[in-house]
């Protein structure tokens, strides 16, 4: 009789221990936000909404001395009337992008090219930028890239400088360890 009670007690204790372990292992999802529920720009550029303008994957592509930068990305207008988006980075002159009603403007297209002078922010940094449309302004930090990555070389104002990729070339190494 005592043995049966001890066995039942051990079973209950073991069940409680397993339940506590399972709760401890799985409960982190109950108190921590799932990263898949967070909206983010799954690209190198940023997403900004200002009035009816939806700016997608926007970034600056700069030349090697930082004197000029080209805007790339897309501006979408889902409204029933045309809009003008003004983009002003740091101390540069603002650029305007006109977008017809229910259309989008892809800044990578040569016809929509927007180049600014005097950005003077190095690749890898961010440019504090003001976006204005329909009287509303949103400030956002926009990444600055150069021609290091092949997908941006065609957008470097004045052409890509080969010196930005010198560090990517294989160099012969000599080992003294004998391996």
N, C-alpha and C. Protein backbone atom coordinates (compact mmCIF):
# COMPACT_ATOMS: atom_id res chain seq x y z
N UNK A 1 0.81 -1.18 0.00
CA UNK A 1 0.00 0.00 0.00
C UNK A 1 0.86 1.26 0.00
N UNK A 2 1.90 1.29 0.83
CA UNK A 2 2.79 2.43 0.88
C UNK A 2 3.51 2.58 -0.47
N UNK A 3 3.89 1.49 -1.10
CA UNK A 3 4.60 1.53 -2.37
C UNK A 3 3.72 2.13 -3.47
N UNK A 4 2.44 1.77 -3.50
CA UNK A 4 1.53 2.31 -4.52
C UNK A 4 1.36 3.81 -4.34
N UNK A 5 1.26 4.26 -3.08
CA UNK A 5 1.13 5.70 -2.83
C UNK A 5 2.40 6.44 -3.23
N UNK A 6 3.54 5.90 -2.95
CA UNK A 6 4.82 6.54 -3.30
C UNK A 6 4.96 6.61 -4.82
N UNK A 7 4.54 5.54 -5.50
CA UNK A 7 4.63 5.53 -6.96
C UNK A 7 3.70 6.59 -7.55
N UNK A 8 2.48 6.71 -7.03
CA UNK A 8 1.56 7.72 -7.52
C UNK A 8 2.10 9.12 -7.25
N UNK A 9 2.69 9.32 -6.07
CA UNK A 9 3.30 10.62 -5.73
C UNK A 9 4.45 10.96 -6.66
N UNK A 10 5.25 9.94 -6.96
CA UNK A 10 6.38 10.16 -7.88
C UNK A 10 5.88 10.51 -9.28
N UNK A 11 4.80 9.84 -9.70
CA UNK A 11 4.24 10.11 -11.02
C UNK A 11 3.71 11.55 -11.09
N UNK A 12 3.02 11.97 -10.04
CA UNK A 12 2.50 13.33 -10.00
C UNK A 12 3.65 14.33 -9.99
N UNK A 13 4.68 14.08 -9.19
CA UNK A 13 5.84 14.97 -9.13
C UNK A 13 6.55 15.03 -10.49
N UNK A 14 6.69 13.88 -11.13
CA UNK A 14 7.34 13.84 -12.44
C UNK A 14 6.51 14.59 -13.47
N UNK A 15 5.19 14.42 -13.42
CA UNK A 15 4.31 15.13 -14.35
C UNK A 15 4.39 16.63 -14.15
N UNK A 16 4.42 17.08 -12.89
CA UNK A 16 4.55 18.50 -12.61
C UNK A 16 5.90 19.04 -13.08
N UNK A 17 6.95 18.24 -12.90
CA UNK A 17 8.28 18.67 -13.35
C UNK A 17 8.32 18.81 -14.87
N UNK A 18 7.72 17.86 -15.59
CA UNK A 18 7.68 17.92 -17.05
C UNK A 18 6.85 19.12 -17.50
N UNK A 19 5.71 19.36 -16.84
CA UNK A 19 4.87 20.50 -17.19
C UNK A 19 5.61 21.81 -16.95
N UNK A 20 6.32 21.91 -15.84
CA UNK A 20 7.07 23.13 -15.54
C UNK A 20 8.18 23.34 -16.57
N UNK A 21 8.85 22.26 -16.95
CA UNK A 21 9.91 22.36 -17.95
C UNK A 21 9.33 22.80 -19.30
N UNK A 22 8.20 22.19 -19.70
CA UNK A 22 7.56 22.55 -20.97
C UNK A 22 7.12 24.01 -20.95
N UNK A 23 6.56 24.47 -19.85
CA UNK A 23 6.14 25.86 -19.74
C UNK A 23 7.35 26.78 -19.81
N UNK A 24 8.42 26.42 -19.14
CA UNK A 24 9.63 27.24 -19.14
C UNK A 24 10.26 27.34 -20.52
N UNK A 25 10.20 26.27 -21.29
CA UNK A 25 10.79 26.25 -22.62
C UNK A 25 9.91 26.99 -23.63
N UNK A 26 8.60 26.85 -23.51
CA UNK A 26 7.70 27.42 -24.52
C UNK A 26 7.11 28.76 -24.14
N UNK A 27 7.24 29.18 -22.91
CA UNK A 27 6.56 30.39 -22.49
C UNK A 27 7.22 31.67 -22.99
N UNK A 28 8.44 31.59 -23.53
CA UNK A 28 9.07 32.81 -24.00
C UNK A 28 8.25 33.47 -25.11
N UNK A 29 7.51 32.65 -25.87
CA UNK A 29 6.65 33.20 -26.90
C UNK A 29 5.46 33.95 -26.34
N UNK A 30 5.14 33.68 -25.10
CA UNK A 30 4.00 34.36 -24.50
C UNK A 30 4.33 35.77 -24.06
N UNK A 31 5.60 36.04 -23.77
CA UNK A 31 5.97 37.36 -23.29
C UNK A 31 6.85 38.15 -24.25
N UNK A 32 7.41 37.50 -25.26
CA UNK A 32 8.27 38.19 -26.23
C UNK A 32 7.55 38.29 -27.57
N UNK A 33 7.64 39.45 -28.20
CA UNK A 33 7.00 39.64 -29.49
C UNK A 33 7.69 38.80 -30.54
N UNK A 34 6.91 38.21 -31.42
CA UNK A 34 7.48 37.43 -32.51
C UNK A 34 8.02 38.39 -33.57
N UNK A 35 9.23 38.13 -34.03
CA UNK A 35 9.82 39.05 -35.01
C UNK A 35 9.09 39.01 -36.34
N UNK A 36 8.38 37.94 -36.63
CA UNK A 36 7.63 37.87 -37.88
C UNK A 36 6.40 38.77 -37.87
N UNK A 37 6.04 39.29 -36.69
CA UNK A 37 4.90 40.21 -36.61
C UNK A 37 5.33 41.67 -36.75
N UNK A 38 6.62 41.93 -36.91
CA UNK A 38 7.14 43.28 -37.00
C UNK A 38 7.33 43.67 -38.46
N UNK A 39 6.76 44.82 -38.86
CA UNK A 39 6.98 45.32 -40.22
C UNK A 39 8.36 45.95 -40.31
N UNK A 40 9.07 45.64 -41.38
CA UNK A 40 10.38 46.23 -41.60
C UNK A 40 10.68 46.22 -43.09
N UNK A 41 11.65 47.02 -43.49
CA UNK A 41 12.06 47.08 -44.89
C UNK A 41 13.05 45.95 -45.15
N UNK A 42 12.60 44.94 -45.85
CA UNK A 42 13.45 43.78 -46.12
C UNK A 42 14.32 44.07 -47.34
N UNK A 43 15.10 45.12 -47.24
CA UNK A 43 15.96 45.56 -48.34
C UNK A 43 17.02 46.48 -47.77
N UNK A 44 17.85 47.03 -48.64
CA UNK A 44 18.87 47.97 -48.19
C UNK A 44 18.30 49.36 -47.95
N UNK A 45 17.22 49.69 -48.63
CA UNK A 45 16.61 51.01 -48.51
C UNK A 45 15.57 51.06 -47.41
N UNK A 46 14.91 52.22 -47.31
CA UNK A 46 13.91 52.44 -46.26
C UNK A 46 12.53 52.61 -46.87
N UNK A 47 11.52 52.38 -46.04
CA UNK A 47 10.13 52.61 -46.41
C UNK A 47 9.61 53.76 -45.57
N UNK A 48 9.02 54.76 -46.23
CA UNK A 48 8.49 55.94 -45.56
C UNK A 48 7.13 56.26 -46.17
N UNK A 49 6.15 56.53 -45.33
CA UNK A 49 4.85 56.98 -45.81
C UNK A 49 4.66 58.42 -45.38
N UNK A 50 4.33 59.28 -46.34
CA UNK A 50 4.07 60.69 -46.04
C UNK A 50 2.88 61.14 -46.88
N UNK A 51 1.81 61.54 -46.22
CA UNK A 51 0.54 61.87 -46.88
C UNK A 51 0.14 60.69 -47.77
N UNK A 52 -0.11 60.92 -49.06
CA UNK A 52 -0.50 59.82 -49.96
C UNK A 52 0.69 59.17 -50.65
N UNK A 53 1.90 59.62 -50.36
CA UNK A 53 3.09 59.06 -50.99
C UNK A 53 3.63 57.90 -50.16
N UNK A 54 3.86 56.80 -50.83
CA UNK A 54 4.49 55.64 -50.21
C UNK A 54 5.85 55.46 -50.85
N UNK A 55 6.89 55.73 -50.07
CA UNK A 55 8.26 55.64 -50.56
C UNK A 55 8.78 54.26 -50.20
N UNK A 56 9.28 53.53 -51.18
CA UNK A 56 9.72 52.16 -50.95
C UNK A 56 11.16 51.96 -51.40
N UNK A 57 11.94 51.33 -50.52
CA UNK A 57 13.32 50.93 -50.79
C UNK A 57 14.19 52.11 -51.24
N UNK A 58 14.02 53.25 -50.61
CA UNK A 58 14.77 54.45 -50.99
C UNK A 58 16.14 54.46 -50.34
N UNK A 59 17.14 54.85 -51.11
CA UNK A 59 18.50 55.04 -50.60
C UNK A 59 19.24 55.99 -51.51
N UNK A 60 20.39 56.46 -51.03
CA UNK A 60 21.27 57.30 -51.82
C UNK A 60 22.46 56.46 -52.27
N UNK A 61 22.80 56.56 -53.56
CA UNK A 61 24.00 55.90 -54.09
C UNK A 61 24.98 57.02 -54.40
N UNK A 62 26.11 57.03 -53.69
CA UNK A 62 27.06 58.13 -53.81
C UNK A 62 28.29 57.73 -54.62
N UNK A 63 28.96 58.74 -55.15
CA UNK A 63 30.22 58.49 -55.84
C UNK A 63 31.33 58.43 -54.79
N UNK A 64 32.54 58.12 -55.22
CA UNK A 64 33.63 57.85 -54.26
C UNK A 64 34.00 59.05 -53.41
N UNK A 65 33.86 60.27 -53.91
CA UNK A 65 34.23 61.43 -53.08
C UNK A 65 33.02 62.01 -52.35
N UNK A 66 31.83 61.43 -52.55
CA UNK A 66 30.64 61.86 -51.83
C UNK A 66 30.06 63.17 -52.32
N UNK A 67 30.56 63.69 -53.45
CA UNK A 67 30.08 64.99 -53.92
C UNK A 67 28.69 64.91 -54.57
N UNK A 68 28.35 63.75 -55.13
CA UNK A 68 27.04 63.58 -55.75
C UNK A 68 26.43 62.27 -55.28
N UNK A 69 25.10 62.24 -55.24
CA UNK A 69 24.39 61.03 -54.87
C UNK A 69 23.10 60.93 -55.68
N UNK A 70 22.78 59.72 -56.06
CA UNK A 70 21.53 59.47 -56.81
C UNK A 70 20.53 58.78 -55.90
N UNK A 71 19.30 59.24 -55.97
CA UNK A 71 18.21 58.58 -55.25
C UNK A 71 17.76 57.37 -56.05
N UNK A 72 17.62 56.23 -55.39
CA UNK A 72 16.98 55.09 -56.04
C UNK A 72 15.89 54.58 -55.11
N UNK A 73 14.91 53.93 -55.68
CA UNK A 73 13.75 53.44 -54.95
C UNK A 73 12.51 53.74 -55.76
N UNK A 74 11.34 53.58 -55.15
CA UNK A 74 10.07 53.78 -55.84
C UNK A 74 9.15 54.64 -54.99
N UNK A 75 8.43 55.55 -55.65
CA UNK A 75 7.42 56.36 -54.97
C UNK A 75 6.07 55.97 -55.55
N UNK A 76 5.15 55.54 -54.68
CA UNK A 76 3.84 55.07 -55.08
C UNK A 76 2.79 56.08 -54.64
N UNK A 77 1.83 56.34 -55.54
CA UNK A 77 0.72 57.24 -55.24
C UNK A 77 -0.58 56.47 -55.45
N UNK A 78 -1.24 56.08 -54.37
CA UNK A 78 -2.50 55.34 -54.46
C UNK A 78 -3.72 56.26 -54.43
N UNK A 79 -3.51 57.56 -54.49
CA UNK A 79 -4.64 58.49 -54.40
C UNK A 79 -5.24 58.77 -55.78
N UNK A 80 -6.35 59.51 -55.78
CA UNK A 80 -7.05 59.85 -57.02
C UNK A 80 -6.51 61.11 -57.69
N UNK A 81 -5.50 61.75 -57.08
CA UNK A 81 -4.93 62.95 -57.68
C UNK A 81 -3.41 62.85 -57.66
N UNK A 82 -2.78 63.58 -58.57
CA UNK A 82 -1.32 63.55 -58.66
C UNK A 82 -0.73 64.18 -57.39
N UNK A 83 0.51 63.85 -57.11
CA UNK A 83 1.18 64.43 -55.94
C UNK A 83 2.62 64.74 -56.28
N UNK A 84 3.20 65.62 -55.48
CA UNK A 84 4.60 65.96 -55.60
C UNK A 84 5.25 65.67 -54.26
N UNK A 85 6.29 64.87 -54.30
CA UNK A 85 7.07 64.55 -53.11
C UNK A 85 8.37 65.34 -53.18
N UNK A 86 8.69 66.04 -52.10
CA UNK A 86 9.96 66.76 -52.02
C UNK A 86 10.87 66.00 -51.05
N UNK A 87 12.10 65.78 -51.50
CA UNK A 87 13.09 65.06 -50.69
C UNK A 87 14.26 65.99 -50.46
N UNK A 88 14.56 66.25 -49.17
CA UNK A 88 15.68 67.13 -48.83
C UNK A 88 16.57 66.43 -47.82
N UNK A 89 17.80 66.12 -48.26
CA UNK A 89 18.76 65.42 -47.40
C UNK A 89 19.81 66.39 -46.91
N UNK A 90 20.07 66.32 -45.61
CA UNK A 90 21.12 67.13 -44.98
C UNK A 90 21.01 68.58 -45.46
N UNK A 91 22.11 69.15 -45.96
CA UNK A 91 22.10 70.55 -46.37
C UNK A 91 22.04 70.69 -47.90
N UNK A 92 21.51 69.69 -48.58
CA UNK A 92 21.43 69.74 -50.04
C UNK A 92 20.20 70.50 -50.49
N UNK A 93 20.16 70.82 -51.78
CA UNK A 93 18.97 71.41 -52.37
C UNK A 93 17.91 70.32 -52.48
N UNK A 94 16.66 70.63 -52.22
CA UNK A 94 15.61 69.60 -52.31
C UNK A 94 15.37 69.17 -53.76
N UNK A 95 14.94 67.93 -53.93
CA UNK A 95 14.54 67.43 -55.24
C UNK A 95 13.05 67.10 -55.16
N UNK A 96 12.35 67.25 -56.28
CA UNK A 96 10.93 66.95 -56.31
C UNK A 96 10.67 65.78 -57.24
N UNK A 97 9.70 64.97 -56.85
CA UNK A 97 9.31 63.81 -57.64
C UNK A 97 7.80 63.91 -57.83
N UNK A 98 7.38 64.04 -59.08
CA UNK A 98 5.95 64.12 -59.40
C UNK A 98 5.44 62.73 -59.73
N UNK A 99 4.32 62.36 -59.09
CA UNK A 99 3.75 61.03 -59.29
C UNK A 99 2.28 61.18 -59.68
N UNK A 100 1.90 60.73 -60.88
CA UNK A 100 0.49 60.81 -61.29
C UNK A 100 -0.41 59.96 -60.38
N UNK A 101 -1.71 60.25 -60.41
CA UNK A 101 -2.68 59.51 -59.60
C UNK A 101 -2.63 58.02 -59.92
N UNK A 102 -2.70 57.20 -58.88
CA UNK A 102 -2.72 55.73 -59.00
C UNK A 102 -1.56 55.17 -59.81
N UNK A 103 -0.39 55.80 -59.69
CA UNK A 103 0.79 55.30 -60.40
C UNK A 103 1.99 55.29 -59.48
N UNK A 104 3.11 54.82 -60.01
CA UNK A 104 4.36 54.83 -59.26
C UNK A 104 5.50 55.32 -60.14
N UNK A 105 6.52 55.85 -59.51
CA UNK A 105 7.70 56.33 -60.22
C UNK A 105 8.90 55.56 -59.68
N UNK A 106 9.56 54.86 -60.58
CA UNK A 106 10.74 54.08 -60.22
C UNK A 106 11.98 54.93 -60.52
N UNK A 107 12.70 55.31 -59.47
CA UNK A 107 13.83 56.23 -59.63
C UNK A 107 15.05 55.58 -60.29
N UNK A 108 15.07 54.27 -60.42
CA UNK A 108 16.16 53.59 -61.12
C UNK A 108 16.06 53.79 -62.63
N UNK A 109 14.88 54.14 -63.13
CA UNK A 109 14.71 54.39 -64.56
C UNK A 109 15.40 55.69 -64.93
N UNK A 110 16.11 55.70 -66.04
CA UNK A 110 16.85 56.89 -66.47
C UNK A 110 15.96 58.12 -66.60
N UNK A 111 14.72 57.92 -67.04
CA UNK A 111 13.80 59.05 -67.21
C UNK A 111 13.44 59.70 -65.88
N UNK A 112 13.57 58.98 -64.79
CA UNK A 112 13.20 59.49 -63.46
C UNK A 112 14.40 59.77 -62.57
N UNK A 113 15.57 59.82 -63.15
CA UNK A 113 16.81 59.98 -62.39
C UNK A 113 16.82 61.28 -61.59
N UNK A 114 17.18 61.17 -60.30
CA UNK A 114 17.30 62.33 -59.41
C UNK A 114 18.67 62.28 -58.75
N UNK A 115 19.52 63.26 -59.08
CA UNK A 115 20.88 63.34 -58.54
C UNK A 115 20.99 64.63 -57.74
N UNK A 116 21.57 64.53 -56.55
CA UNK A 116 21.79 65.71 -55.72
C UNK A 116 23.28 65.94 -55.57
N UNK A 117 23.64 67.18 -55.39
CA UNK A 117 25.04 67.56 -55.17
C UNK A 117 25.24 67.96 -53.73
N UNK A 118 26.44 67.71 -53.22
CA UNK A 118 26.80 68.18 -51.89
C UNK A 118 26.28 67.36 -50.73
N UNK A 119 25.94 66.09 -50.95
CA UNK A 119 25.48 65.26 -49.83
C UNK A 119 26.61 65.09 -48.82
N UNK A 120 27.80 64.80 -49.31
CA UNK A 120 29.01 64.69 -48.48
C UNK A 120 28.82 63.78 -47.28
N UNK A 121 28.16 62.66 -47.49
CA UNK A 121 28.01 61.63 -46.47
C UNK A 121 28.57 60.35 -47.06
N UNK A 122 29.47 59.71 -46.34
CA UNK A 122 30.17 58.53 -46.85
C UNK A 122 29.24 57.33 -46.92
N UNK A 123 29.58 56.45 -47.85
CA UNK A 123 28.85 55.18 -47.96
C UNK A 123 28.95 54.43 -46.64
N UNK A 124 27.84 53.82 -46.26
CA UNK A 124 27.78 53.10 -44.99
C UNK A 124 27.15 53.92 -43.88
N UNK A 125 26.99 55.21 -44.12
CA UNK A 125 26.36 56.09 -43.13
C UNK A 125 24.92 56.36 -43.55
N UNK A 126 24.23 57.18 -42.78
CA UNK A 126 22.84 57.55 -43.08
C UNK A 126 22.72 59.06 -43.23
N UNK A 127 21.81 59.47 -44.10
CA UNK A 127 21.54 60.90 -44.31
C UNK A 127 20.19 61.23 -43.69
N UNK A 128 20.19 62.19 -42.79
CA UNK A 128 18.92 62.66 -42.21
C UNK A 128 18.18 63.38 -43.33
N UNK A 129 16.97 62.92 -43.62
CA UNK A 129 16.24 63.36 -44.80
C UNK A 129 14.80 63.74 -44.44
N UNK A 130 14.32 64.83 -45.03
CA UNK A 130 12.93 65.26 -44.84
C UNK A 130 12.15 64.96 -46.11
N UNK A 131 11.01 64.28 -45.94
CA UNK A 131 10.11 63.96 -47.03
C UNK A 131 8.84 64.79 -46.84
N UNK A 132 8.44 65.54 -47.88
CA UNK A 132 7.26 66.40 -47.77
C UNK A 132 6.31 66.14 -48.93
N UNK A 133 5.04 65.92 -48.60
CA UNK A 133 3.98 65.78 -49.60
C UNK A 133 2.68 66.28 -49.00
N UNK A 134 1.91 67.04 -49.77
CA UNK A 134 0.60 67.56 -49.35
C UNK A 134 0.67 68.28 -48.00
N UNK A 135 1.75 69.03 -47.78
CA UNK A 135 1.88 69.80 -46.54
C UNK A 135 2.32 69.01 -45.33
N UNK A 136 2.53 67.72 -45.47
CA UNK A 136 2.97 66.87 -44.36
C UNK A 136 4.45 66.54 -44.55
N UNK A 137 5.23 66.61 -43.47
CA UNK A 137 6.66 66.30 -43.54
C UNK A 137 6.99 65.17 -42.57
N UNK A 138 7.79 64.24 -43.05
CA UNK A 138 8.28 63.13 -42.22
C UNK A 138 9.80 63.12 -42.34
N UNK A 139 10.49 63.11 -41.20
CA UNK A 139 11.95 63.01 -41.17
C UNK A 139 12.34 61.54 -41.02
N UNK A 140 13.36 61.14 -41.78
CA UNK A 140 13.77 59.74 -41.74
C UNK A 140 15.26 59.65 -42.06
N UNK A 141 15.91 58.66 -41.52
CA UNK A 141 17.33 58.41 -41.76
C UNK A 141 17.46 57.44 -42.94
N UNK A 142 18.13 57.89 -44.01
CA UNK A 142 18.21 57.12 -45.25
C UNK A 142 19.64 56.62 -45.45
N UNK A 143 19.81 55.33 -45.76
CA UNK A 143 21.15 54.78 -45.97
C UNK A 143 21.82 55.32 -47.22
N UNK A 144 23.16 55.41 -47.13
CA UNK A 144 23.99 55.85 -48.24
C UNK A 144 24.90 54.68 -48.62
N UNK A 145 24.87 54.30 -49.89
CA UNK A 145 25.71 53.21 -50.39
C UNK A 145 26.56 53.74 -51.54
N UNK A 146 27.52 52.93 -51.97
CA UNK A 146 28.34 53.29 -53.13
C UNK A 146 28.35 52.11 -54.10
N UNK A 147 29.31 52.05 -54.97
CA UNK A 147 29.38 51.00 -55.98
C UNK A 147 30.10 49.75 -55.53
N UNK A 148 30.30 49.57 -54.24
CA UNK A 148 30.96 48.36 -53.76
C UNK A 148 30.16 47.12 -54.16
N UNK A 149 28.86 47.17 -53.99
CA UNK A 149 28.01 46.05 -54.40
C UNK A 149 27.62 46.24 -55.86
N UNK A 150 27.72 45.16 -56.63
CA UNK A 150 27.49 45.22 -58.07
C UNK A 150 26.11 45.77 -58.44
N UNK A 151 25.09 45.48 -57.63
CA UNK A 151 23.74 45.92 -57.98
C UNK A 151 23.57 47.43 -57.93
N UNK A 152 24.53 48.16 -57.33
CA UNK A 152 24.41 49.63 -57.25
C UNK A 152 25.39 50.35 -58.18
N UNK A 153 26.29 49.65 -58.81
CA UNK A 153 27.33 50.29 -59.64
C UNK A 153 26.76 51.13 -60.77
N UNK A 154 25.67 50.67 -61.38
CA UNK A 154 25.09 51.42 -62.51
C UNK A 154 24.45 52.72 -62.08
N UNK A 155 24.23 52.90 -60.79
CA UNK A 155 23.54 54.10 -60.28
C UNK A 155 24.49 55.14 -59.68
N UNK A 156 25.79 54.86 -59.66
CA UNK A 156 26.76 55.80 -59.10
C UNK A 156 26.88 56.99 -60.05
N UNK A 157 26.61 58.21 -59.57
CA UNK A 157 26.72 59.39 -60.43
C UNK A 157 28.15 59.53 -60.99
N UNK A 158 28.25 59.67 -62.31
CA UNK A 158 29.55 59.79 -62.95
C UNK A 158 30.24 58.46 -63.18
N UNK A 159 29.62 57.36 -62.78
CA UNK A 159 30.19 56.04 -62.97
C UNK A 159 30.89 55.52 -61.73
N UNK A 160 30.94 54.24 -61.63
CA UNK A 160 31.54 53.59 -60.46
C UNK A 160 33.05 53.68 -60.52
N UNK A 161 33.66 53.90 -59.37
CA UNK A 161 35.11 53.98 -59.23
C UNK A 161 35.62 52.61 -58.80
N UNK A 162 36.52 52.03 -59.59
CA UNK A 162 37.02 50.69 -59.28
C UNK A 162 37.73 50.60 -57.93
N UNK A 163 38.19 51.72 -57.41
CA UNK A 163 38.92 51.68 -56.13
C UNK A 163 38.03 51.24 -54.97
N UNK A 164 36.70 51.39 -55.09
CA UNK A 164 35.82 50.98 -53.99
C UNK A 164 35.71 49.47 -53.88
N UNK A 165 36.16 48.74 -54.92
CA UNK A 165 36.11 47.28 -54.86
C UNK A 165 37.49 46.65 -54.74
N UNK A 166 38.55 47.44 -54.64
CA UNK A 166 39.91 46.89 -54.53
C UNK A 166 40.03 45.92 -53.36
N UNK A 167 39.38 46.22 -52.27
CA UNK A 167 39.50 45.37 -51.09
C UNK A 167 38.76 44.03 -51.25
N UNK A 168 38.00 43.88 -52.32
CA UNK A 168 37.26 42.65 -52.55
C UNK A 168 38.02 41.65 -53.40
N UNK A 169 39.16 42.05 -53.96
CA UNK A 169 39.93 41.17 -54.83
C UNK A 169 40.77 40.21 -54.02
N UNK A 170 40.89 38.99 -54.54
CA UNK A 170 41.68 37.97 -53.86
C UNK A 170 43.15 38.37 -53.88
N UNK A 171 43.79 38.14 -52.76
CA UNK A 171 45.24 38.34 -52.70
C UNK A 171 45.87 37.02 -52.31
N UNK A 172 47.05 36.79 -52.81
CA UNK A 172 47.75 35.55 -52.51
C UNK A 172 48.31 35.64 -51.10
N UNK A 173 48.07 34.61 -50.33
CA UNK A 173 48.61 34.61 -48.97
C UNK A 173 49.67 33.53 -48.85
N UNK A 174 50.66 33.83 -48.05
CA UNK A 174 51.75 32.90 -47.82
C UNK A 174 51.70 32.45 -46.37
N UNK A 175 51.63 31.17 -46.21
CA UNK A 175 51.53 30.62 -44.87
C UNK A 175 52.91 30.17 -44.40
N UNK A 176 53.21 30.50 -43.18
CA UNK A 176 54.49 30.05 -42.60
C UNK A 176 54.31 28.87 -41.67
N UNK A 177 53.06 28.38 -41.54
CA UNK A 177 52.82 27.29 -40.62
C UNK A 177 53.06 25.93 -41.24
N UNK A 178 53.26 25.87 -42.56
CA UNK A 178 53.53 24.61 -43.21
C UNK A 178 52.27 23.82 -43.55
N UNK A 179 51.12 24.42 -43.36
CA UNK A 179 49.86 23.73 -43.68
C UNK A 179 49.26 24.28 -44.92
